[in-house]
Amino acid sequence: TWGTGGPRSGTYGYVISNHAYGSLLSDYVTASPNTVYNVSAWVRGEIDADDSEYGGWTIELCSYKADNTYLNCQTSASGGPGTISTSWQQKSGAVTTPANTGKVRIRLYLWYSAGWAAYDDVSLTQGGGGNLVVNPGFESSGNWTEGRNTAFPGTSFWRGTWGTGARTSTGMSLRVF
């Protein structure tokens, strides 16, 4: 077994399990240009060091113009094999939005990795303000979009209360109980 457990808080968490690329993208949040935002999430998981030489997990802030034109994504926290464990850890960082930013989205990403990463209690703050993320603990089924590269159909997502990740003869799969 590669990992069992529930969410960090509340009833739900989100898990990405894959062999290549999988991401969760939040709904748009109104933002200001040239502004420092603090981005954080609680993360846990296991990434196979023998099969994930170049991959890992990331927490990113993606910036867009007011008309939804993509500007860029910046990493607030990231790591490869050995940087997360099966215990919840808060990972965070500060990101400055580029000029012309009107909106942002948070992207939780597991890429080019055999293994899994679970996310919960996502936060986006500016200054001393409150959390700007809608549905930061995944308690409802909306406000987050799953993304996968169609060239790698082995990526799986699970929003739930309890699960087990297990290695199979062909790689990693996520079993839900």
C-alpha atoms as a PDB file:
ATOM      1  CA  THR A   1       0.000   0.000   0.000  1.00  0.00           C
ATOM      2  CA  TRP A   2       1.337   3.423  -0.903  1.00  0.00           C
ATOM      3  CA  GLY A   3      -0.937   5.476   1.269  1.00  0.00           C
ATOM      4  CA  THR A   4      -4.150   5.496   3.178  1.00  0.00           C
ATOM      5  CA  GLY A   5      -5.948   8.239   4.962  1.00  0.00           C
ATOM      6  CA  GLY A   6      -8.525  10.899   4.924  1.00  0.00           C
ATOM      7  CA  PRO A   7      -8.583  14.618   4.299  1.00  0.00           C
ATOM      8  CA  ARG A   8      -6.659  17.019   6.505  1.00  0.00           C
ATOM      9  CA  SER A   9      -9.846  18.764   7.603  1.00  0.00           C
ATOM     10  CA  GLY A  10     -13.511  18.664   6.759  1.00  0.00           C
ATOM     11  CA  THR A  11     -14.988  15.762   4.856  1.00  0.00           C
ATOM     12  CA  TYR A  12     -13.096  15.863   1.543  1.00  0.00           C
ATOM     13  CA  GLY A  13      -9.629  16.116   0.030  1.00  0.00           C
ATOM     14  CA  TYR A  14      -8.429  15.702  -3.575  1.00  0.00           C
ATOM     15  CA  VAL A  15      -5.897  13.144  -4.830  1.00  0.00           C
ATOM     16  CA  ILE A  16      -4.076  13.037  -8.165  1.00  0.00           C
ATOM     17  CA  SER A  17      -2.481   9.728  -9.140  1.00  0.00           C
ATOM     18  CA  ASN A  18      -0.631   9.415 -12.416  1.00  0.00           C
ATOM     19  CA  HIS A  19       2.216   8.429 -14.674  1.00  0.00           C
ATOM     20  CA  ALA A  20       2.582  11.751 -16.452  1.00  0.00           C
ATOM     21  CA  TYR A  21       0.468  14.881 -15.955  1.00  0.00           C
ATOM     22  CA  GLY A  22      -2.565  15.740 -13.833  1.00  0.00           C
ATOM     23  CA  SER A  23      -3.766  19.040 -12.427  1.00  0.00           C
ATOM     24  CA  LEU A  24      -6.570  20.709 -10.512  1.00  0.00           C
ATOM     25  CA  LEU A  25      -7.402  24.262 -11.535  1.00  0.00           C
ATOM     26  CA  SER A  26      -9.479  26.551  -9.305  1.00  0.00           C
ATOM     27  CA  ASP A  27     -12.184  28.860 -10.559  1.00  0.00           C
ATOM     28  CA  TYR A  28     -11.088  32.389 -11.482  1.00  0.00           C
ATOM     29  CA  VAL A  29     -10.524  34.842  -8.634  1.00  0.00           C
ATOM     30  CA  THR A  30     -10.429  38.600  -9.242  1.00  0.00           C
ATOM     31  CA  ALA A  31      -6.880  39.872  -8.707  1.00  0.00           C
ATOM     32  CA  SER A  32      -4.729  42.974  -9.115  1.00  0.00           C
ATOM     33  CA  PRO A  33      -1.591  43.465 -11.216  1.00  0.00           C
ATOM     34  CA  ASN A  34       1.863  43.744  -9.650  1.00  0.00           C
ATOM     35  CA  THR A  35       0.551  42.446  -6.326  1.00  0.00           C
ATOM     36  CA  VAL A  36       2.057  39.893  -3.939  1.00  0.00           C
ATOM     37  CA  TYR A  37      -0.228  36.950  -3.134  1.00  0.00           C
ATOM     38  CA  ASN A  38       0.480  34.147  -0.685  1.00  0.00           C
ATOM     39  CA  VAL A  39      -0.484  30.727  -2.033  1.00  0.00           C
ATOM     40  CA  SER A  40      -0.573  27.614   0.124  1.00  0.00           C
ATOM     41  CA  ALA A  41      -2.033  24.137   0.357  1.00  0.00           C
ATOM     42  CA  TRP A  42      -1.676  21.155   2.622  1.00  0.00           C
ATOM     43  CA  VAL A  43      -0.027  18.320   0.704  1.00  0.00           C
ATOM     44  CA  ARG A  44       0.804  14.686   1.329  1.00  0.00           C
ATOM     45  CA  GLY A  45       1.631  11.720  -0.879  1.00  0.00           C
ATOM     46  CA  GLU A  46       4.297   9.452  -2.254  1.00  0.00           C
ATOM     47  CA  ILE A  47       6.270   9.863  -5.450  1.00  0.00           C
ATOM     48  CA  ASP A  48       8.341   6.915  -6.636  1.00  0.00           C
ATOM     49  CA  ALA A  49      11.967   8.085  -6.884  1.00  0.00           C
ATOM     50  CA  ASP A  50      12.848   5.217  -9.238  1.00  0.00           C
ATOM     51  CA  ASP A  51      10.135   6.143 -11.745  1.00  0.00           C
ATOM     52  CA  SER A  52       9.878   9.931 -11.357  1.00  0.00           C
ATOM     53  CA  GLU A  53      13.343  11.249 -12.097  1.00  0.00           C
ATOM     54  CA  TYR A  54      12.178  14.559 -13.539  1.00  0.00           C
ATOM     55  CA  GLY A  55       8.690  14.949 -12.052  1.00  0.00           C
ATOM     56  CA  GLY A  56       7.044  16.153  -8.908  1.00  0.00           C
ATOM     57  CA  TRP A  57       4.228  18.173  -7.412  1.00  0.00           C
ATOM     58  CA  THR A  58       3.650  21.928  -7.623  1.00  0.00           C
ATOM     59  CA  ILE A  59       1.358  24.630  -6.311  1.00  0.00           C
ATOM     60  CA  GLU A  60       1.101  27.434  -8.845  1.00  0.00           C
ATOM     61  CA  LEU A  61      -0.660  30.758  -9.290  1.00  0.00           C
ATOM     62  CA  CYS A  62      -1.755  31.286 -12.884  1.00  0.00           C
ATOM     63  CA  SER A  63      -2.459  34.862 -13.983  1.00  0.00           C
ATOM     64  CA  TYR A  64      -4.896  36.038 -16.659  1.00  0.00           C
ATOM     65  CA  LYS A  65      -6.046  39.340 -18.104  1.00  0.00           C
ATOM     66  CA  ALA A  66      -9.600  40.454 -17.274  1.00  0.00           C
ATOM     67  CA  ASP A  67     -10.770  38.881 -20.570  1.00  0.00           C
ATOM     68  CA  ASN A  68      -9.324  35.466 -19.474  1.00  0.00           C
ATOM     69  CA  THR A  69      -6.255  35.719 -21.731  1.00  0.00           C
ATOM     70  CA  TYR A  70      -3.501  33.619 -20.155  1.00  0.00           C
ATOM     71  CA  LEU A  71      -0.423  35.494 -18.931  1.00  0.00           C
ATOM     72  CA  ASN A  72       1.683  32.971 -16.961  1.00  0.00           C
ATOM     73  CA  CYS A  73       1.865  30.450 -14.127  1.00  0.00           C
ATOM     74  CA  GLN A  74       4.325  30.916 -11.269  1.00  0.00           C
ATOM     75  CA  THR A  75       5.281  28.281  -8.728  1.00  0.00           C
ATOM     76  CA  SER A  76       4.689  29.051  -5.060  1.00  0.00           C
ATOM     77  CA  ALA A  77       5.863  25.643  -3.805  1.00  0.00           C
ATOM     78  CA  SER A  78       7.117  22.459  -5.445  1.00  0.00           C
ATOM     79  CA  GLY A  79       9.118  19.314  -4.920  1.00  0.00           C
ATOM     80  CA  GLY A  80      10.080  15.917  -6.239  1.00  0.00           C
ATOM     81  CA  PRO A  81      10.432  12.484  -4.679  1.00  0.00           C
ATOM     82  CA  GLY A  82      11.176  12.682  -0.976  1.00  0.00           C
ATOM     83  CA  THR A  83       9.768  16.199  -0.485  1.00  0.00           C
ATOM     84  CA  ILE A  84       6.356  15.027   0.736  1.00  0.00           C
ATOM     85  CA  SER A  85       5.287  12.129   2.914  1.00  0.00           C
ATOM     86  CA  THR A  86       2.072  10.413   3.895  1.00  0.00           C
ATOM     87  CA  SER A  87       1.647  13.030   6.655  1.00  0.00           C
ATOM     88  CA  TRP A  88       0.031  16.372   5.836  1.00  0.00           C
ATOM     89  CA  GLN A  89       2.471  19.274   5.400  1.00  0.00           C
ATOM     90  CA  GLN A  90       1.651  22.874   4.608  1.00  0.00           C
ATOM     91  CA  LYS A  91       3.533  24.123   1.546  1.00  0.00           C
ATOM     92  CA  SER A  92       3.428  27.785   0.601  1.00  0.00           C
ATOM     93  CA  GLY A  93       5.103  30.696  -1.105  1.00  0.00           C
ATOM     94  CA  ALA A  94       4.603  34.251  -2.311  1.00  0.00           C
ATOM     95  CA  VAL A  95       3.971  35.142  -5.946  1.00  0.00           C
ATOM     96  CA  THR A  96       3.804  38.582  -7.583  1.00  0.00           C
ATOM     97  CA  THR A  97       1.238  38.912 -10.358  1.00  0.00           C
ATOM     98  CA  PRO A  98       2.419  40.405 -13.663  1.00  0.00           C
ATOM     99  CA  ALA A  99       1.214  43.663 -15.200  1.00  0.00           C
ATOM    100  CA  ASN A 100      -2.245  43.424 -16.806  1.00  0.00           C
ATOM    101  CA  THR A 101      -3.458  40.761 -14.342  1.00  0.00           C
ATOM    102  CA  GLY A 102      -7.205  40.862 -13.759  1.00  0.00           C
ATOM    103  CA  LYS A 103      -7.798  37.297 -12.568  1.00  0.00           C
ATOM    104  CA  VAL A 104      -5.870  34.359 -11.136  1.00  0.00           C
ATOM    105  CA  ARG A 105      -6.381  30.633 -10.700  1.00  0.00           C
ATOM    106  CA  ILE A 106      -4.532  28.174  -8.481  1.00  0.00           C
ATOM    107  CA  ARG A 107      -3.143  25.075 -10.168  1.00  0.00           C
ATOM    108  CA  LEU A 108      -2.291  21.989  -8.111  1.00  0.00           C
ATOM    109  CA  TYR A 109      -0.118  19.818 -10.311  1.00  0.00           C
ATOM    110  CA  LEU A 110       1.412  16.344 -10.285  1.00  0.00           C
ATOM    111  CA  TRP A 111       3.594  15.860 -13.332  1.00  0.00           C
ATOM    112  CA  TYR A 112       5.775  13.193 -14.845  1.00  0.00           C
ATOM    113  CA  SER A 113       5.553  11.095 -11.705  1.00  0.00           C
ATOM    114  CA  ALA A 114       4.607   7.619 -10.638  1.00  0.00           C
ATOM    115  CA  GLY A 115       2.794   8.019  -7.366  1.00  0.00           C
ATOM    116  CA  TRP A 116       0.188  10.246  -5.844  1.00  0.00           C
ATOM    117  CA  ALA A 117      -0.288  13.625  -4.199  1.00  0.00           C
ATOM    118  CA  ALA A 118      -3.237  14.681  -2.046  1.00  0.00           C
ATOM    119  CA  TYR A 119      -4.231  18.311  -1.540  1.00  0.00           C
ATOM    120  CA  ASP A 120      -6.502  20.007   0.989  1.00  0.00           C
ATOM    121  CA  ASP A 121      -7.165  23.413   2.552  1.00  0.00           C
ATOM    122  CA  VAL A 122      -5.898  25.581  -0.300  1.00  0.00           C
ATOM    123  CA  SER A 123      -5.363  29.263   0.454  1.00  0.00           C
ATOM    124  CA  LEU A 124      -4.852  32.443  -1.563  1.00  0.00           C
ATOM    125  CA  THR A 125      -4.390  35.619   0.463  1.00  0.00           C
ATOM    126  CA  GLN A 126      -3.198  39.143  -0.155  1.00  0.00           C
ATOM    127  CA  GLY A 127      -1.869  41.218   2.700  1.00  0.00           C
ATOM    128  CA  GLY A 128      -3.761  40.418   5.880  1.00  0.00           C
ATOM    129  CA  GLY A 129      -6.981  39.575   4.032  1.00  0.00           C
ATOM    130  CA  GLY A 130      -9.028  36.406   4.131  1.00  0.00           C
ATOM    131  CA  ASN A 131      -8.866  33.385   1.855  1.00  0.00           C
ATOM    132  CA  LEU A 132      -9.915  34.261  -1.716  1.00  0.00           C
ATOM    133  CA  VAL A 133     -10.328  30.637  -2.865  1.00  0.00           C
ATOM    134  CA  VAL A 134     -13.878  29.379  -3.299  1.00  0.00           C
ATOM    135  CA  ASN A 135     -14.237  25.825  -1.939  1.00  0.00           C
ATOM    136  CA  PRO A 136     -10.660  25.614  -0.578  1.00  0.00           C
ATOM    137  CA  GLY A 137     -11.277  22.260   1.141  1.00  0.00           C
ATOM    138  CA  PHE A 138     -13.117  20.606  -1.776  1.00  0.00           C
ATOM    139  CA  GLU A 139     -16.237  20.245   0.391  1.00  0.00           C
ATOM    140  CA  SER A 140     -18.525  20.687  -2.616  1.00  0.00           C
ATOM    141  CA  SER A 141     -18.021  19.178  -6.051  1.00  0.00           C
ATOM    142  CA  GLY A 142     -17.638  22.475  -7.908  1.00  0.00           C
ATOM    143  CA  ASN A 143     -15.084  25.265  -8.307  1.00  0.00           C
ATOM    144  CA  TRP A 144     -12.168  23.026  -9.379  1.00  0.00           C
ATOM    145  CA  THR A 145     -11.457  21.577 -12.842  1.00  0.00           C
ATOM    146  CA  GLU A 146      -9.520  18.353 -13.388  1.00  0.00           C
ATOM    147  CA  GLY A 147      -6.958  18.491 -16.167  1.00  0.00           C
ATOM    148  CA  ARG A 148      -5.046  15.668 -17.793  1.00  0.00           C
ATOM    149  CA  ASN A 149      -2.916  15.205 -20.857  1.00  0.00           C
ATOM    150  CA  THR A 150      -4.870  12.880 -23.158  1.00  0.00           C
ATOM    151  CA  ALA A 151      -1.617  11.247 -24.286  1.00  0.00           C
ATOM    152  CA  PHE A 152      -1.350   9.800 -20.766  1.00  0.00           C
ATOM    153  CA  PRO A 153      -4.713   8.206 -19.922  1.00  0.00           C
ATOM    154  CA  GLY A 154      -3.417   6.625 -16.685  1.00  0.00           C
ATOM    155  CA  THR A 155      -3.947   9.805 -14.678  1.00  0.00           C
ATOM    156  CA  SER A 156      -6.739   9.495 -12.121  1.00  0.00           C
ATOM    157  CA  PHE A 157      -8.431  11.928  -9.761  1.00  0.00           C
ATOM    158  CA  TRP A 158     -10.338  11.274  -6.594  1.00  0.00           C
ATOM    159  CA  ARG A 159     -12.286  13.698  -4.431  1.00  0.00           C
ATOM    160  CA  GLY A 160     -13.304  11.838  -1.336  1.00  0.00           C
ATOM    161  CA  THR A 161     -13.033  11.054   2.311  1.00  0.00           C
ATOM    162  CA  TRP A 162     -10.845   7.952   2.387  1.00  0.00           C
ATOM    163  CA  GLY A 163      -8.788   5.950  -0.063  1.00  0.00           C
ATOM    164  CA  THR A 164      -5.806   3.749  -0.661  1.00  0.00           C
ATOM    165  CA  GLY A 165      -3.126   4.166  -3.290  1.00  0.00           C
ATOM    166  CA  ALA A 166      -1.458   0.920  -4.300  1.00  0.00           C
ATOM    167  CA  ARG A 167       1.290  -0.030  -6.731  1.00  0.00           C
ATOM    168  CA  THR A 168       0.268  -2.446  -9.474  1.00  0.00           C
ATOM    169  CA  SER A 169       2.390  -4.427 -11.919  1.00  0.00           C
ATOM    170  CA  THR A 170       1.897  -1.659 -14.502  1.00  0.00           C
ATOM    171  CA  GLY A 171       2.392   1.307 -12.196  1.00  0.00           C
ATOM    172  CA  MET A 172       0.274   3.264  -9.760  1.00  0.00           C
ATOM    173  CA  SER A 173      -3.465   3.096  -9.345  1.00  0.00           C
ATOM    174  CA  LEU A 174      -5.828   4.595  -6.813  1.00  0.00           C
ATOM    175  CA  ARG A 175      -8.403   2.395  -5.191  1.00  0.00           C
ATOM    176  CA  VAL A 176     -11.329   4.029  -3.442  1.00  0.00           C
ATOM    177  CA  PHE A 177     -13.062   2.378  -0.500  1.00  0.00           C
END
